[in-house]
Amino acid sequence: MMLAAIRNLVKGPLKDDYALPGAHYELAVIAWLEACQGDAAAAEAEERARRTAKVKECQEHLDAVIAWEAFVFDARLGMRVQTGLETLKWFRERMG
């Protein structure tokens, strides 16, 4: 994956170190939107499996942001990621 390959290229005193965790956050948002869009033609079990996979993908991207350096996470993305994690928790409790 390209995000993992260029992580070291954006570190340094004159580089924007929040671009990659921001990209992971945006990918998590896309996965969440895809999880929320249903396919009326799909069977219920198939739709549930697709939704579960997208929620898992969303969680993985948010976990990648959390694992980033503390300053980048706290200063730039912390509140957004925390909201995403709370939403996933709510979704899992509701959907079982």
PDB file of N, CA and C in Angstrom:
ATOM      1  N   MET A   1       0.851  -1.176   0.000  1.00  0.00           N
ATOM      2  CA  MET A   1       0.000   0.000   0.000  1.00  0.00           C
ATOM      3  C   MET A   1       0.893   1.234   0.000  1.00  0.00           C
ATOM      4  N   MET A   2       0.496   2.200  -0.771  1.00  0.00           N
ATOM      5  CA  MET A   2       1.293   3.411  -0.934  1.00  0.00           C
ATOM      6  C   MET A   2       1.473   4.169   0.374  1.00  0.00           C
ATOM      7  N   LEU A   3       0.473   4.170   1.229  1.00  0.00           N
ATOM      8  CA  LEU A   3       0.567   4.914   2.485  1.00  0.00           C
ATOM      9  C   LEU A   3       1.704   4.407   3.354  1.00  0.00           C
ATOM     10  N   ALA A   4       1.914   3.105   3.385  1.00  0.00           N
ATOM     11  CA  ALA A   4       2.992   2.541   4.195  1.00  0.00           C
ATOM     12  C   ALA A   4       4.351   2.832   3.571  1.00  0.00           C
ATOM     13  N   ALA A   5       4.426   2.869   2.250  1.00  0.00           N
ATOM     14  CA  ALA A   5       5.699   3.045   1.559  1.00  0.00           C
ATOM     15  C   ALA A   5       6.279   4.442   1.727  1.00  0.00           C
ATOM     16  N   ILE A   6       5.450   5.446   1.843  1.00  0.00           N
ATOM     17  CA  ILE A   6       5.975   6.815   1.873  1.00  0.00           C
ATOM     18  C   ILE A   6       5.988   7.437   3.269  1.00  0.00           C
ATOM     19  N   ARG A   7       5.770   6.647   4.287  1.00  0.00           N
ATOM     20  CA  ARG A   7       5.717   7.197   5.647  1.00  0.00           C
ATOM     21  C   ARG A   7       7.008   7.929   6.018  1.00  0.00           C
ATOM     22  N   ASN A   8       8.152   7.360   5.705  1.00  0.00           N
ATOM     23  CA  ASN A   8       9.424   7.983   6.065  1.00  0.00           C
ATOM     24  C   ASN A   8       9.760   9.186   5.193  1.00  0.00           C
ATOM     25  N   LEU A   9       9.127   9.321   4.056  1.00  0.00           N
ATOM     26  CA  LEU A   9       9.406  10.448   3.172  1.00  0.00           C
ATOM     27  C   LEU A   9       8.772  11.752   3.650  1.00  0.00           C
ATOM     28  N   VAL A  10       7.828  11.684   4.551  1.00  0.00           N
ATOM     29  CA  VAL A  10       7.146  12.898   5.005  1.00  0.00           C
ATOM     30  C   VAL A  10       7.558  13.299   6.413  1.00  0.00           C
ATOM     31  N   LYS A  11       8.613  12.711   6.905  1.00  0.00           N
ATOM     32  CA  LYS A  11       9.091  13.063   8.243  1.00  0.00           C
ATOM     33  C   LYS A  11      10.285  14.000   8.113  1.00  0.00           C
ATOM     34  N   GLY A  12      10.312  15.007   8.925  1.00  0.00           N
ATOM     35  CA  GLY A  12      11.425  15.932   8.901  1.00  0.00           C
ATOM     36  C   GLY A  12      10.986  17.321   9.296  1.00  0.00           C
ATOM     37  N   PRO A  13      11.945  18.217   9.500  1.00  0.00           N
ATOM     38  CA  PRO A  13      11.622  19.545  10.017  1.00  0.00           C
ATOM     39  C   PRO A  13      10.795  20.415   9.067  1.00  0.00           C
ATOM     40  N   LEU A  14      10.927  20.242   7.775  1.00  0.00           N
ATOM     41  CA  LEU A  14      10.206  21.103   6.840  1.00  0.00           C
ATOM     42  C   LEU A  14       9.117  20.351   6.076  1.00  0.00           C
ATOM     43  N   LYS A  15       8.673  19.257   6.630  1.00  0.00           N
ATOM     44  CA  LYS A  15       7.686  18.441   5.931  1.00  0.00           C
ATOM     45  C   LYS A  15       6.386  18.382   6.729  1.00  0.00           C
ATOM     46  N   ASP A  16       5.297  18.231   6.026  1.00  0.00           N
ATOM     47  CA  ASP A  16       3.988  18.103   6.676  1.00  0.00           C
ATOM     48  C   ASP A  16       3.790  16.662   7.106  1.00  0.00           C
ATOM     49  N   ASP A  17       3.850  16.431   8.402  1.00  0.00           N
ATOM     50  CA  ASP A  17       3.782  15.066   8.909  1.00  0.00           C
ATOM     51  C   ASP A  17       2.361  14.595   9.179  1.00  0.00           C
ATOM     52  N   TYR A  18       1.376  15.410   8.890  1.00  0.00           N
ATOM     53  CA  TYR A  18      -0.007  15.007   9.148  1.00  0.00           C
ATOM     54  C   TYR A  18      -0.721  14.507   7.893  1.00  0.00           C
ATOM     55  N   ALA A  19      -0.065  14.558   6.749  1.00  0.00           N
ATOM     56  CA  ALA A  19      -0.729  14.169   5.503  1.00  0.00           C
ATOM     57  C   ALA A  19      -1.108  12.689   5.488  1.00  0.00           C
ATOM     58  N   LEU A  20      -0.212  11.831   5.899  1.00  0.00           N
ATOM     59  CA  LEU A  20      -0.514  10.400   5.865  1.00  0.00           C
ATOM     60  C   LEU A  20      -1.554   9.985   6.897  1.00  0.00           C
ATOM     61  N   PRO A  21      -1.448  10.423   8.152  1.00  0.00           N
ATOM     62  CA  PRO A  21      -2.540  10.063   9.054  1.00  0.00           C
ATOM     63  C   PRO A  21      -3.864  10.684   8.609  1.00  0.00           C
ATOM     64  N   GLY A  22      -3.795  11.843   7.995  1.00  0.00           N
ATOM     65  CA  GLY A  22      -5.008  12.448   7.454  1.00  0.00           C
ATOM     66  C   GLY A  22      -5.596  11.608   6.329  1.00  0.00           C
ATOM     67  N   ALA A  23      -4.721  11.033   5.508  1.00  0.00           N
ATOM     68  CA  ALA A  23      -5.185  10.148   4.434  1.00  0.00           C
ATOM     69  C   ALA A  23      -5.843   8.899   5.008  1.00  0.00           C
ATOM     70  N   HIS A  24      -5.256   8.345   6.065  1.00  0.00           N
ATOM     71  CA  HIS A  24      -5.874   7.182   6.712  1.00  0.00           C
ATOM     72  C   HIS A  24      -7.251   7.553   7.266  1.00  0.00           C
ATOM     73  N   TYR A  25      -7.355   8.726   7.846  1.00  0.00           N
ATOM     74  CA  TYR A  25      -8.648   9.171   8.372  1.00  0.00           C
ATOM     75  C   TYR A  25      -9.672   9.282   7.245  1.00  0.00           C
ATOM     76  N   GLU A  26      -9.269   9.874   6.132  1.00  0.00           N
ATOM     77  CA  GLU A  26     -10.187  10.027   5.003  1.00  0.00           C
ATOM     78  C   GLU A  26     -10.604   8.672   4.439  1.00  0.00           C
ATOM     79  N   LEU A  27      -9.674   7.709   4.396  1.00  0.00           N
ATOM     80  CA  LEU A  27     -10.029   6.363   3.944  1.00  0.00           C
ATOM     81  C   LEU A  27     -11.015   5.707   4.908  1.00  0.00           C
ATOM     82  N   ALA A  28     -10.865   5.994   6.192  1.00  0.00           N
ATOM     83  CA  ALA A  28     -11.822   5.475   7.178  1.00  0.00           C
ATOM     84  C   ALA A  28     -13.208   6.065   6.937  1.00  0.00           C
ATOM     85  N   VAL A  29     -13.258   7.348   6.617  1.00  0.00           N
ATOM     86  CA  VAL A  29     -14.542   8.000   6.332  1.00  0.00           C
ATOM     87  C   VAL A  29     -15.191   7.372   5.100  1.00  0.00           C
ATOM     88  N   ILE A  30     -14.396   7.125   4.066  1.00  0.00           N
ATOM     89  CA  ILE A  30     -14.934   6.507   2.850  1.00  0.00           C
ATOM     90  C   ILE A  30     -15.470   5.111   3.152  1.00  0.00           C
ATOM     91  N   ALA A  31     -14.712   4.331   3.924  1.00  0.00           N
ATOM     92  CA  ALA A  31     -15.168   2.980   4.285  1.00  0.00           C
ATOM     93  C   ALA A  31     -16.472   3.053   5.072  1.00  0.00           C
ATOM     94  N   TRP A  32     -16.583   4.031   5.973  1.00  0.00           N
ATOM     95  CA  TRP A  32     -17.814   4.178   6.753  1.00  0.00           C
ATOM     96  C   TRP A  32     -18.995   4.527   5.844  1.00  0.00           C
ATOM     97  N   LEU A  33     -18.788   5.445   4.910  1.00  0.00           N
ATOM     98  CA  LEU A  33     -19.866   5.807   3.991  1.00  0.00           C
ATOM     99  C   LEU A  33     -20.297   4.608   3.157  1.00  0.00           C
ATOM    100  N   GLU A  34     -19.328   3.810   2.721  1.00  0.00           N
ATOM    101  CA  GLU A  34     -19.659   2.611   1.955  1.00  0.00           C
ATOM    102  C   GLU A  34     -20.394   1.592   2.823  1.00  0.00           C
ATOM    103  N   ALA A  35     -20.065   1.529   4.101  1.00  0.00           N
ATOM    104  CA  ALA A  35     -20.761   0.610   5.008  1.00  0.00           C
ATOM    105  C   ALA A  35     -22.209   1.037   5.205  1.00  0.00           C
ATOM    106  N   CYS A  36     -22.457   2.328   5.160  1.00  0.00           N
ATOM    107  CA  CYS A  36     -23.812   2.838   5.393  1.00  0.00           C
ATOM    108  C   CYS A  36     -24.702   2.750   4.160  1.00  0.00           C
ATOM    109  N   GLN A  37     -24.106   2.604   2.995  1.00  0.00           N
ATOM    110  CA  GLN A  37     -24.895   2.494   1.771  1.00  0.00           C
ATOM    111  C   GLN A  37     -25.260   1.033   1.552  1.00  0.00           C
ATOM    112  N   GLY A  38     -26.515   0.760   1.542  1.00  0.00           N
ATOM    113  CA  GLY A  38     -26.973  -0.613   1.372  1.00  0.00           C
ATOM    114  C   GLY A  38     -27.228  -0.962  -0.082  1.00  0.00           C
ATOM    115  N   ASP A  39     -27.261  -2.259  -0.338  1.00  0.00           N
ATOM    116  CA  ASP A  39     -27.585  -2.770  -1.658  1.00  0.00           C
ATOM    117  C   ASP A  39     -28.900  -3.530  -1.534  1.00  0.00           C
ATOM    118  N   ALA A  40     -29.958  -2.956  -2.051  1.00  0.00           N
ATOM    119  CA  ALA A  40     -31.287  -3.554  -1.901  1.00  0.00           C
ATOM    120  C   ALA A  40     -31.396  -4.899  -2.606  1.00  0.00           C
ATOM    121  N   ALA A  41     -30.603  -5.109  -3.641  1.00  0.00           N
ATOM    122  CA  ALA A  41     -30.679  -6.357  -4.397  1.00  0.00           C
ATOM    123  C   ALA A  41     -29.923  -7.498  -3.724  1.00  0.00           C
ATOM    124  N   ALA A  42     -29.040  -7.192  -2.795  1.00  0.00           N
ATOM    125  CA  ALA A  42     -28.222  -8.221  -2.151  1.00  0.00           C
ATOM    126  C   ALA A  42     -29.029  -8.950  -1.082  1.00  0.00           C
ATOM    127  N   ALA A  43     -28.673 -10.205  -0.886  1.00  0.00           N
ATOM    128  CA  ALA A  43     -29.299 -10.987   0.178  1.00  0.00           C
ATOM    129  C   ALA A  43     -28.886 -10.413   1.528  1.00  0.00           C
ATOM    130  N   GLU A  44     -29.698 -10.646   2.539  1.00  0.00           N
ATOM    131  CA  GLU A  44     -29.438 -10.064   3.858  1.00  0.00           C
ATOM    132  C   GLU A  44     -28.086 -10.498   4.417  1.00  0.00           C
ATOM    133  N   ALA A  45     -27.758 -11.778   4.317  1.00  0.00           N
ATOM    134  CA  ALA A  45     -26.481 -12.274   4.843  1.00  0.00           C
ATOM    135  C   ALA A  45     -25.306 -11.682   4.078  1.00  0.00           C
ATOM    136  N   GLU A  46     -25.467 -11.561   2.771  1.00  0.00           N
ATOM    137  CA  GLU A  46     -24.415 -10.981   1.935  1.00  0.00           C
ATOM    138  C   GLU A  46     -24.204  -9.510   2.282  1.00  0.00           C
ATOM    139  N   GLU A  47     -25.289  -8.793   2.454  1.00  0.00           N
ATOM    140  CA  GLU A  47     -25.215  -7.368   2.807  1.00  0.00           C
ATOM    141  C   GLU A  47     -24.578  -7.179   4.176  1.00  0.00           C
ATOM    142  N   ARG A  48     -24.932  -8.038   5.122  1.00  0.00           N
ATOM    143  CA  ARG A  48     -24.351  -7.957   6.469  1.00  0.00           C
ATOM    144  C   ARG A  48     -22.845  -8.222   6.429  1.00  0.00           C
ATOM    145  N   ALA A  49     -22.416  -9.185   5.623  1.00  0.00           N
ATOM    146  CA  ALA A  49     -20.987  -9.493   5.492  1.00  0.00           C
ATOM    147  C   ALA A  49     -20.238  -8.323   4.865  1.00  0.00           C
ATOM    148  N   ARG A  50     -20.829  -7.701   3.845  1.00  0.00           N
ATOM    149  CA  ARG A  50     -20.197  -6.544   3.199  1.00  0.00           C
ATOM    150  C   ARG A  50     -20.070  -5.391   4.180  1.00  0.00           C
ATOM    151  N   ARG A  51     -21.136  -5.151   4.922  1.00  0.00           N
ATOM    152  CA  ARG A  51     -21.131  -4.056   5.892  1.00  0.00           C
ATOM    153  C   ARG A  51     -20.102  -4.316   6.998  1.00  0.00           C
ATOM    154  N   THR A  52     -20.025  -5.547   7.476  1.00  0.00           N
ATOM    155  CA  THR A  52     -19.058  -5.904   8.513  1.00  0.00           C
ATOM    156  C   THR A  52     -17.634  -5.702   8.017  1.00  0.00           C
ATOM    157  N   ALA A  53     -17.368  -6.069   6.765  1.00  0.00           N
ATOM    158  CA  ALA A  53     -16.031  -5.887   6.191  1.00  0.00           C
ATOM    159  C   ALA A  53     -15.674  -4.406   6.095  1.00  0.00           C
ATOM    160  N   LYS A  54     -16.624  -3.575   5.706  1.00  0.00           N
ATOM    161  CA  LYS A  54     -16.362  -2.136   5.593  1.00  0.00           C
ATOM    162  C   LYS A  54     -16.148  -1.499   6.963  1.00  0.00           C
ATOM    163  N   VAL A  55     -16.900  -1.933   7.957  1.00  0.00           N
ATOM    164  CA  VAL A  55     -16.708  -1.415   9.313  1.00  0.00           C
ATOM    165  C   VAL A  55     -15.330  -1.820   9.826  1.00  0.00           C
ATOM    166  N   LYS A  56     -14.909  -3.043   9.531  1.00  0.00           N
ATOM    167  CA  LYS A  56     -13.576  -3.500   9.932  1.00  0.00           C
ATOM    168  C   LYS A  56     -12.496  -2.669   9.242  1.00  0.00           C
ATOM    169  N   GLU A  57     -12.677  -2.387   7.963  1.00  0.00           N
ATOM    170  CA  GLU A  57     -11.726  -1.551   7.231  1.00  0.00           C
ATOM    171  C   GLU A  57     -11.645  -0.157   7.854  1.00  0.00           C
ATOM    172  N   CYS A  58     -12.779   0.393   8.212  1.00  0.00           N
ATOM    173  CA  CYS A  58     -12.828   1.699   8.864  1.00  0.00           C
ATOM    174  C   CYS A  58     -12.046   1.670  10.173  1.00  0.00           C
ATOM    175  N   GLN A  59     -12.271   0.639  10.975  1.00  0.00           N
ATOM    176  CA  GLN A  59     -11.568   0.489  12.256  1.00  0.00           C
ATOM    177  C   GLN A  59     -10.057   0.395  12.046  1.00  0.00           C
ATOM    178  N   GLU A  60      -9.622  -0.342  11.030  1.00  0.00           N
ATOM    179  CA  GLU A  60      -8.192  -0.497  10.760  1.00  0.00           C
ATOM    180  C   GLU A  60      -7.546   0.839  10.414  1.00  0.00           C
ATOM    181  N   HIS A  61      -8.226   1.644   9.613  1.00  0.00           N
ATOM    182  CA  HIS A  61      -7.670   2.956   9.258  1.00  0.00           C
ATOM    183  C   HIS A  61      -7.621   3.880  10.475  1.00  0.00           C
ATOM    184  N   LEU A  62      -8.643   3.853  11.309  1.00  0.00           N
ATOM    185  CA  LEU A  62      -8.621   4.682  12.520  1.00  0.00           C
ATOM    186  C   LEU A  62      -7.529   4.212  13.479  1.00  0.00           C
ATOM    187  N   ASP A  63      -7.328   2.904  13.570  1.00  0.00           N
ATOM    188  CA  ASP A  63      -6.249   2.377  14.413  1.00  0.00           C
ATOM    189  C   ASP A  63      -4.882   2.829  13.906  1.00  0.00           C
ATOM    190  N   ALA A  64      -4.730   2.931  12.578  1.00  0.00           N
ATOM    191  CA  ALA A  64      -3.468   3.409  12.007  1.00  0.00           C
ATOM    192  C   ALA A  64      -3.213   4.858  12.406  1.00  0.00           C
ATOM    193  N   VAL A  65      -4.256   5.666  12.454  1.00  0.00           N
ATOM    194  CA  VAL A  65      -4.096   7.068  12.866  1.00  0.00           C
ATOM    195  C   VAL A  65      -3.736   7.142  14.344  1.00  0.00           C
ATOM    196  N   ILE A  66      -4.380   6.329  15.160  1.00  0.00           N
ATOM    197  CA  ILE A  66      -4.090   6.329  16.595  1.00  0.00           C
ATOM    198  C   ILE A  66      -2.644   5.947  16.860  1.00  0.00           C
ATOM    199  N   ALA A  67      -2.112   5.032  16.056  1.00  0.00           N
ATOM    200  CA  ALA A  67      -0.741   4.559  16.251  1.00  0.00           C
ATOM    201  C   ALA A  67       0.306   5.571  15.782  1.00  0.00           C
ATOM    202  N   TRP A  68      -0.128   6.644  15.147  1.00  0.00           N
ATOM    203  CA  TRP A  68       0.816   7.654  14.659  1.00  0.00           C
ATOM    204  C   TRP A  68       1.426   8.396  15.839  1.00  0.00           C
ATOM    205  N   GLU A  69       2.357   9.239  15.573  1.00  0.00           N
ATOM    206  CA  GLU A  69       3.029   9.990  16.637  1.00  0.00           C
ATOM    207  C   GLU A  69       2.016  10.824  17.424  1.00  0.00           C
ATOM    208  N   ALA A  70       2.257  10.942  18.707  1.00  0.00           N
ATOM    209  CA  ALA A  70       1.287  11.554  19.621  1.00  0.00           C
ATOM    210  C   ALA A  70       0.934  12.991  19.237  1.00  0.00           C
ATOM    211  N   PHE A  71       1.924  13.801  18.881  1.00  0.00           N
ATOM    212  CA  PHE A  71       1.632  15.199  18.578  1.00  0.00           C
ATOM    213  C   PHE A  71       0.699  15.319  17.387  1.00  0.00           C
ATOM    214  N   VAL A  72       1.000  14.569  16.335  1.00  0.00           N
ATOM    215  CA  VAL A  72       0.177  14.630  15.127  1.00  0.00           C
ATOM    216  C   VAL A  72      -1.250  14.204  15.450  1.00  0.00           C
ATOM    217  N   PHE A  73      -1.372  13.142  16.218  1.00  0.00           N
ATOM    218  CA  PHE A  73      -2.707  12.644  16.558  1.00  0.00           C
ATOM    219  C   PHE A  73      -3.460  13.638  17.428  1.00  0.00           C
ATOM    220  N   ASP A  74      -2.835  14.075  18.512  1.00  0.00           N
ATOM    221  CA  ASP A  74      -3.520  14.951  19.464  1.00  0.00           C
ATOM    222  C   ASP A  74      -3.851  16.314  18.869  1.00  0.00           C
ATOM    223  N   ALA A  75      -2.892  16.902  18.170  1.00  0.00           N
ATOM    224  CA  ALA A  75      -3.060  18.274  17.708  1.00  0.00           C
ATOM    225  C   ALA A  75      -3.923  18.398  16.459  1.00  0.00           C
ATOM    226  N   ARG A  76      -3.906  17.398  15.619  1.00  0.00           N
ATOM    227  CA  ARG A  76      -4.546  17.580  14.320  1.00  0.00           C
ATOM    228  C   ARG A  76      -5.756  16.687  14.062  1.00  0.00           C
ATOM    229  N   LEU A  77      -5.725  15.476  14.583  1.00  0.00           N
ATOM    230  CA  LEU A  77      -6.768  14.525  14.209  1.00  0.00           C
ATOM    231  C   LEU A  77      -7.493  13.887  15.382  1.00  0.00           C
ATOM    232  N   GLY A  78      -7.068  14.161  16.583  1.00  0.00           N
ATOM    233  CA  GLY A  78      -7.578  13.456  17.746  1.00  0.00           C
ATOM    234  C   GLY A  78      -9.081  13.474  17.906  1.00  0.00           C
ATOM    235  N   MET A  79      -9.685  14.643  17.810  1.00  0.00           N
ATOM    236  CA  MET A  79     -11.126  14.741  18.034  1.00  0.00           C
ATOM    237  C   MET A  79     -11.907  14.020  16.938  1.00  0.00           C
ATOM    238  N   ARG A  80     -11.456  14.148  15.704  1.00  0.00           N
ATOM    239  CA  ARG A  80     -12.147  13.477  14.599  1.00  0.00           C
ATOM    240  C   ARG A  80     -12.081  11.963  14.743  1.00  0.00           C
ATOM    241  N   VAL A  81     -10.890  11.462  15.085  1.00  0.00           N
ATOM    242  CA  VAL A  81     -10.723  10.016  15.230  1.00  0.00           C
ATOM    243  C   VAL A  81     -11.527   9.509  16.419  1.00  0.00           C
ATOM    244  N   GLN A  82     -11.518  10.244  17.512  1.00  0.00           N
ATOM    245  CA  GLN A  82     -12.285   9.828  18.685  1.00  0.00           C
ATOM    246  C   GLN A  82     -13.775   9.755  18.362  1.00  0.00           C
ATOM    247  N   THR A  83     -14.269  10.706  17.602  1.00  0.00           N
ATOM    248  CA  THR A  83     -15.666  10.674  17.180  1.00  0.00           C
ATOM    249  C   THR A  83     -15.942   9.455  16.310  1.00  0.00           C
ATOM    250  N   GLY A  84     -15.011   9.145  15.416  1.00  0.00           N
ATOM    251  CA  GLY A  84     -15.160   7.958  14.581  1.00  0.00           C
ATOM    252  C   GLY A  84     -15.192   6.683  15.395  1.00  0.00           C
ATOM    253  N   LEU A  85     -14.321   6.583  16.387  1.00  0.00           N
ATOM    254  CA  LEU A  85     -14.293   5.395  17.238  1.00  0.00           C
ATOM    255  C   LEU A  85     -15.583   5.251  18.040  1.00  0.00           C
ATOM    256  N   GLU A  86     -16.091   6.366  18.541  1.00  0.00           N
ATOM    257  CA  GLU A  86     -17.357   6.327  19.278  1.00  0.00           C
ATOM    258  C   GLU A  86     -18.516   5.912  18.368  1.00  0.00           C
ATOM    259  N   THR A  87     -18.487   6.377  17.127  1.00  0.00           N
ATOM    260  CA  THR A  87     -19.525   5.995  16.174  1.00  0.00           C
ATOM    261  C   THR A  87     -19.471   4.506  15.878  1.00  0.00           C
ATOM    262  N   LEU A  88     -18.263   3.968  15.691  1.00  0.00           N
ATOM    263  CA  LEU A  88     -18.123   2.527  15.455  1.00  0.00           C
ATOM    264  C   LEU A  88     -18.599   1.722  16.660  1.00  0.00           C
ATOM    265  N   LYS A  89     -18.298   2.199  17.847  1.00  0.00           N
ATOM    266  CA  LYS A  89     -18.753   1.517  19.062  1.00  0.00           C
ATOM    267  C   LYS A  89     -20.280   1.496  19.112  1.00  0.00           C
ATOM    268  N   TRP A  90     -20.893   2.634  18.849  1.00  0.00           N
ATOM    269  CA  TRP A  90     -22.351   2.722  18.824  1.00  0.00           C
ATOM    270  C   TRP A  90     -22.927   1.774  17.781  1.00  0.00           C
ATOM    271  N   PHE A  91     -22.314   1.753  16.607  1.00  0.00           N
ATOM    272  CA  PHE A  91     -22.806   0.911  15.520  1.00  0.00           C
ATOM    273  C   PHE A  91     -22.738  -0.567  15.893  1.00  0.00           C
ATOM    274  N   ARG A  92     -21.635  -0.974  16.475  1.00  0.00           N
ATOM    275  CA  ARG A  92     -21.483  -2.383  16.862  1.00  0.00           C
ATOM    276  C   ARG A  92     -22.486  -2.772  17.947  1.00  0.00           C
ATOM    277  N   GLU A  93     -22.726  -1.888  18.886  1.00  0.00           N
ATOM    278  CA  GLU A  93     -23.713  -2.171  19.936  1.00  0.00           C
ATOM    279  C   GLU A  93     -25.118  -2.276  19.353  1.00  0.00           C
ATOM    280  N   ARG A  94     -25.403  -1.437  18.409  1.00  0.00           N
ATOM    281  CA  ARG A  94     -26.740  -1.424  17.818  1.00  0.00           C
ATOM    282  C   ARG A  94     -26.962  -2.595  16.866  1.00  0.00           C
ATOM    283  N   MET A  95     -25.945  -2.915  16.081  1.00  0.00           N
ATOM    284  CA  MET A  95     -26.094  -3.967  15.078  1.00  0.00           C
ATOM    285  C   MET A  95     -25.779  -5.359  15.617  1.00  0.00           C
ATOM    286  N   GLY A  96     -25.142  -5.413  16.761  1.00  0.00           N
ATOM    287  CA  GLY A  96     -24.873  -6.704  17.385  1.00  0.00           C
ATOM    288  C   GLY A  96     -23.708  -7.438  16.885  1.00  0.00           C
TER     289      GLY A  96
END
